Amino acid sequence: GGTGLTPRETNVYAAIALVAVLGFTALGAVVDKVLRTRQQGEKQAERPRLWVICMLVSSYALLVPGLVMTLINWQLSFSFFGIAVPVSMKRESTLALVRSSADEGALMAAVFITAYAMVVPAFKLLLLALG
């Protein structure tokens, strides 16, 4: 599972993701400041700050790529008289790691990865939506 990105491409996408979250958070802070300045003197609505909402939305938008993109990528080979012979190659996303952990008998690892990477974020979103 996942995509075959080079380490450089992965680093570029990670930097873009960080800048996007910071940018949307800053944009939310600016819009929030403008709205609060316009509403000065009026009763302020009881709502979360816009920068918090922007940070949450942009952060959770990164969850899906984090689950399906390559998490682990390795190749095992040996060299004999200058000829490299691949022995094993593995590329896994978070979802594939959960599946292979369960298939190989590491059920607790699969449970902890699922809880940390999928259940906890989904539960947090549910709690945020409820209120």
Protein backbone atom coordinates (compact mmCIF):
# COMPACT_ATOMS: atom_id res chain seq x y z
CA GLY A 1 0.00 0.00 0.00
CA GLY A 2 1.00 3.62 -0.28
CA THR A 3 2.92 5.52 -2.87
CA GLY A 4 6.49 5.13 -4.03
CA LEU A 5 7.83 8.55 -3.07
CA THR A 6 11.52 9.28 -2.74
CA PRO A 7 12.73 10.56 0.64
CA ARG A 8 13.14 14.02 -0.89
CA GLU A 9 9.55 14.04 -2.16
CA THR A 10 8.32 12.83 1.23
CA ASN A 11 10.22 15.63 2.97
CA VAL A 12 8.82 18.22 0.56
CA TYR A 13 5.27 17.00 1.17
CA ALA A 14 5.85 17.01 4.93
CA ALA A 15 7.12 20.60 4.75
CA ILE A 16 4.12 21.62 2.62
CA ALA A 17 1.78 19.98 5.15
CA LEU A 18 3.41 21.84 8.04
CA VAL A 19 3.28 25.16 6.19
CA ALA A 20 -0.37 24.51 5.26
CA VAL A 21 -1.39 23.87 8.87
CA LEU A 22 0.53 26.91 10.08
CA GLY A 23 -0.84 29.03 7.22
CA PHE A 24 -4.47 28.06 7.80
CA THR A 25 -4.02 28.62 11.54
CA ALA A 26 -2.55 32.08 10.92
CA LEU A 27 -5.31 32.90 8.43
CA GLY A 28 -7.90 31.89 11.02
CA ALA A 29 -6.19 34.12 13.61
CA VAL A 30 -6.23 37.11 11.25
CA VAL A 31 -9.88 36.62 10.27
CA ASP A 32 -10.77 36.09 13.93
CA LYS A 33 -9.02 39.33 14.88
CA VAL A 34 -10.82 41.26 12.12
CA LEU A 35 -14.21 39.84 13.11
CA ARG A 36 -13.66 40.58 16.80
CA THR A 37 -12.54 44.14 16.00
CA ARG A 38 -15.70 44.72 13.94
CA GLN A 39 -17.86 43.29 16.70
CA GLN A 40 -16.22 45.38 19.41
CA GLY A 41 -18.88 46.72 21.73
CA GLU A 42 -21.35 44.07 20.63
CA LYS A 43 -21.88 40.94 22.63
CA GLN A 44 -19.36 38.33 21.47
CA ALA A 45 -20.78 34.97 20.46
CA GLU A 46 -19.70 32.02 22.59
CA ARG A 47 -17.76 30.04 20.02
CA PRO A 48 -14.28 28.65 19.66
CA ARG A 49 -11.68 30.94 18.17
CA LEU A 50 -11.47 30.65 14.39
CA TRP A 51 -7.74 29.89 14.48
CA VAL A 52 -8.46 26.81 16.60
CA ILE A 53 -11.07 25.58 14.12
CA CYS A 54 -8.69 26.21 11.19
CA MET A 55 -5.88 24.34 12.93
CA LEU A 56 -8.13 21.37 13.72
CA VAL A 57 -9.58 21.13 10.23
CA SER A 58 -6.20 21.43 8.49
CA SER A 59 -4.58 18.96 10.89
CA TYR A 60 -7.31 16.36 10.48
CA ALA A 61 -7.19 16.80 6.70
CA LEU A 62 -3.67 15.33 6.96
CA LEU A 63 -4.94 12.19 8.69
CA VAL A 64 -6.03 10.37 5.52
CA PRO A 65 -2.73 10.79 3.65
CA GLY A 66 -0.97 9.78 6.86
CA LEU A 67 -2.88 6.51 6.88
CA VAL A 68 -2.46 5.54 3.23
CA MET A 69 0.96 6.90 2.26
CA THR A 70 4.15 4.86 2.69
CA LEU A 71 5.19 4.57 6.32
CA ILE A 72 7.90 1.92 6.09
CA ASN A 73 10.04 1.25 3.04
CA TRP A 74 13.02 -1.11 3.09
CA GLN A 75 14.93 -3.48 0.85
CA LEU A 76 17.22 -6.27 1.97
CA SER A 77 19.78 -7.54 -0.52
CA PHE A 78 23.19 -9.12 -0.59
CA SER A 79 26.10 -8.52 -2.88
CA PHE A 80 28.20 -11.34 -4.31
CA PHE A 81 31.15 -10.47 -6.55
CA GLY A 82 29.66 -7.06 -7.28
CA ILE A 83 26.22 -8.39 -8.17
CA ALA A 84 23.44 -7.22 -5.86
CA VAL A 85 20.68 -9.74 -5.35
CA PRO A 86 17.49 -8.50 -3.63
CA VAL A 87 16.26 -10.84 -0.92
CA SER A 88 13.27 -8.98 0.44
CA MET A 89 11.49 -5.69 -0.14
CA LYS A 90 8.69 -4.14 1.89
CA ARG A 91 6.69 -0.94 1.57
CA GLU A 92 3.79 -0.38 3.94
CA SER A 93 1.29 2.28 4.83
CA THR A 94 -0.24 2.52 8.30
CA LEU A 95 -3.24 0.50 7.15
CA ALA A 96 -1.01 -2.18 5.60
CA LEU A 97 1.13 -2.25 8.76
CA VAL A 98 -1.95 -2.97 10.87
CA ARG A 99 -3.02 -5.74 8.48
CA SER A 100 0.43 -7.36 8.29
CA SER A 101 0.91 -7.11 12.08
CA ALA A 102 -2.37 -8.93 12.63
CA ASP A 103 -1.58 -11.51 9.92
CA GLU A 104 1.83 -12.23 11.48
CA GLY A 105 0.38 -12.76 14.96
CA ALA A 106 1.32 -9.39 16.47
CA LEU A 107 -2.27 -8.68 17.45
CA MET A 108 -1.41 -6.27 20.27
CA ALA A 109 0.75 -4.21 17.90
CA ALA A 110 -2.13 -4.07 15.43
CA VAL A 111 -4.52 -3.00 18.21
CA PHE A 112 -2.20 -0.26 19.50
CA ILE A 113 -1.46 1.09 16.01
CA THR A 114 -5.17 1.10 15.18
CA ALA A 115 -6.04 2.82 18.46
CA TYR A 116 -3.33 5.47 18.16
CA ALA A 117 -3.64 6.20 14.44
CA MET A 118 -7.36 5.72 13.81
CA VAL A 119 -9.61 5.27 16.85
CA VAL A 120 -8.26 8.10 19.01
CA PRO A 121 -8.41 10.72 16.20
CA ALA A 122 -11.92 9.59 15.23
CA PHE A 123 -13.06 9.73 18.87
CA LYS A 124 -11.57 13.21 19.28
CA LEU A 125 -13.44 14.38 16.16
CA LEU A 126 -16.65 12.92 17.52
CA LEU A 127 -16.19 14.68 20.86
CA LEU A 128 -15.39 17.95 19.12
CA ALA A 129 -18.50 17.64 16.97
CA LEU A 130 -20.71 16.87 19.98
CA GLY A 131 -19.42 19.74 21.80
